[in-house]
Amino acid sequence: MLFSIIMSDLIKKLPFEIKKNKMKAGIFLGLSAYWGIIIVGTLVQFN
């Protein structure tokens, strides 16, 4: 019960946090995609 209340509260706050940290989120997602492509490309090249 407590867990579901906490989760619903986090889900409600998530859009506000994303808007507040849109720059940080954009940089993080961009770098994650960049490194993901590098890692996948390296694994594909070695195989």
N, C-alpha and C. Protein backbone atom coordinates (compact mmCIF):
# COMPACT_ATOMS: atom_id res chain seq x y z
N MET A 1 0.84 -1.20 0.00
CA MET A 1 0.00 0.00 0.00
C MET A 1 0.87 1.25 0.00
N LEU A 2 1.82 1.31 0.91
CA LEU A 2 2.70 2.47 0.99
C LEU A 2 3.53 2.61 -0.28
N PHE A 3 3.97 1.48 -0.81
CA PHE A 3 4.78 1.48 -2.03
C PHE A 3 3.99 2.09 -3.20
N SER A 4 2.72 1.71 -3.34
CA SER A 4 1.91 2.23 -4.44
C SER A 4 1.68 3.72 -4.28
N ILE A 5 1.53 4.21 -3.06
CA ILE A 5 1.35 5.64 -2.82
C ILE A 5 2.62 6.39 -3.22
N ILE A 6 3.77 5.85 -2.84
CA ILE A 6 5.05 6.49 -3.18
C ILE A 6 5.24 6.49 -4.69
N MET A 7 4.94 5.37 -5.34
CA MET A 7 5.12 5.29 -6.79
C MET A 7 4.20 6.26 -7.52
N SER A 8 2.93 6.36 -7.11
CA SER A 8 2.01 7.29 -7.77
C SER A 8 2.47 8.72 -7.54
N ASP A 9 3.01 9.02 -6.39
CA ASP A 9 3.53 10.35 -6.10
C ASP A 9 4.72 10.66 -7.00
N LEU A 10 5.62 9.68 -7.18
CA LEU A 10 6.76 9.89 -8.06
C LEU A 10 6.32 10.08 -9.49
N ILE A 11 5.33 9.32 -9.94
CA ILE A 11 4.84 9.43 -11.31
C ILE A 11 4.21 10.81 -11.53
N LYS A 12 3.53 11.33 -10.52
CA LYS A 12 2.94 12.67 -10.65
C LYS A 12 4.02 13.74 -10.71
N LYS A 13 5.11 13.57 -9.97
CA LYS A 13 6.17 14.57 -9.95
C LYS A 13 7.11 14.46 -11.14
N LEU A 14 7.09 13.31 -11.84
CA LEU A 14 8.06 13.07 -12.90
C LEU A 14 8.00 14.12 -14.02
N PRO A 15 6.83 14.48 -14.55
CA PRO A 15 6.81 15.50 -15.62
C PRO A 15 7.42 16.83 -15.17
N PHE A 16 7.15 17.23 -13.93
CA PHE A 16 7.72 18.48 -13.42
C PHE A 16 9.24 18.38 -13.36
N GLU A 17 9.75 17.25 -12.88
CA GLU A 17 11.20 17.06 -12.81
C GLU A 17 11.82 17.06 -14.21
N ILE A 18 11.14 16.44 -15.15
CA ILE A 18 11.67 16.41 -16.52
C ILE A 18 11.70 17.82 -17.09
N LYS A 19 10.65 18.60 -16.88
CA LYS A 19 10.64 19.98 -17.38
C LYS A 19 11.73 20.80 -16.72
N LYS A 20 11.90 20.60 -15.41
CA LYS A 20 12.89 21.37 -14.66
C LYS A 20 14.30 21.02 -15.12
N ASN A 21 14.51 19.75 -15.42
CA ASN A 21 15.85 19.30 -15.78
C ASN A 21 15.93 18.88 -17.25
N LYS A 22 15.20 19.58 -18.12
CA LYS A 22 15.17 19.18 -19.53
C LYS A 22 16.55 19.22 -20.14
N MET A 23 17.36 20.22 -19.77
CA MET A 23 18.71 20.33 -20.31
C MET A 23 19.56 19.13 -19.86
N LYS A 24 19.52 18.83 -18.56
CA LYS A 24 20.29 17.69 -18.04
C LYS A 24 19.80 16.39 -18.66
N ALA A 25 18.48 16.24 -18.77
CA ALA A 25 17.91 15.02 -19.34
C ALA A 25 18.32 14.88 -20.80
N GLY A 26 18.30 15.97 -21.54
CA GLY A 26 18.69 15.93 -22.95
C GLY A 26 20.14 15.54 -23.12
N ILE A 27 21.01 16.13 -22.30
CA ILE A 27 22.43 15.79 -22.38
C ILE A 27 22.64 14.33 -22.00
N PHE A 28 21.98 13.88 -20.94
CA PHE A 28 22.13 12.50 -20.48
C PHE A 28 21.66 11.52 -21.55
N LEU A 29 20.48 11.79 -22.14
CA LEU A 29 19.96 10.89 -23.17
C LEU A 29 20.85 10.91 -24.41
N GLY A 30 21.34 12.09 -24.77
CA GLY A 30 22.23 12.18 -25.92
C GLY A 30 23.51 11.39 -25.71
N LEU A 31 24.12 11.55 -24.56
CA LEU A 31 25.36 10.81 -24.28
C LEU A 31 25.09 9.32 -24.17
N SER A 32 23.96 8.93 -23.60
CA SER A 32 23.63 7.51 -23.51
C SER A 32 23.47 6.90 -24.89
N ALA A 33 22.77 7.62 -25.78
CA ALA A 33 22.59 7.12 -27.14
C ALA A 33 23.94 7.04 -27.85
N TYR A 34 24.77 8.06 -27.66
CA TYR A 34 26.09 8.11 -28.30
C TYR A 34 26.95 6.92 -27.87
N TRP A 35 27.04 6.69 -26.56
CA TRP A 35 27.85 5.58 -26.06
C TRP A 35 27.22 4.24 -26.41
N GLY A 36 25.90 4.18 -26.44
CA GLY A 36 25.22 2.94 -26.84
C GLY A 36 25.58 2.56 -28.26
N ILE A 37 25.59 3.56 -29.16
CA ILE A 37 25.96 3.29 -30.55
C ILE A 37 27.42 2.85 -30.65
N ILE A 38 28.28 3.50 -29.90
CA ILE A 38 29.71 3.12 -29.91
C ILE A 38 29.88 1.68 -29.43
N ILE A 39 29.23 1.33 -28.32
CA ILE A 39 29.38 -0.03 -27.77
C ILE A 39 28.81 -1.07 -28.73
N VAL A 40 27.62 -0.80 -29.26
CA VAL A 40 27.01 -1.75 -30.20
C VAL A 40 27.88 -1.88 -31.46
N GLY A 41 28.37 -0.77 -31.97
CA GLY A 41 29.23 -0.83 -33.14
C GLY A 41 30.50 -1.61 -32.89
N THR A 42 31.07 -1.44 -31.71
CA THR A 42 32.29 -2.19 -31.35
C THR A 42 32.00 -3.68 -31.28
N LEU A 43 30.90 -4.06 -30.62
CA LEU A 43 30.55 -5.47 -30.49
C LEU A 43 30.26 -6.08 -31.87
N VAL A 44 29.57 -5.35 -32.73
CA VAL A 44 29.26 -5.87 -34.05
C VAL A 44 30.54 -6.03 -34.86
N GLN A 45 31.45 -5.08 -34.73
CA GLN A 45 32.71 -5.14 -35.48
C GLN A 45 33.56 -6.32 -35.03
N PHE A 46 33.60 -6.59 -33.73
CA PHE A 46 34.40 -7.71 -33.23
C PHE A 46 33.79 -9.06 -33.63
N ASN A 47 32.47 -9.10 -33.76
CA ASN A 47 31.82 -10.34 -34.19
C ASN A 47 31.85 -10.41 -35.69
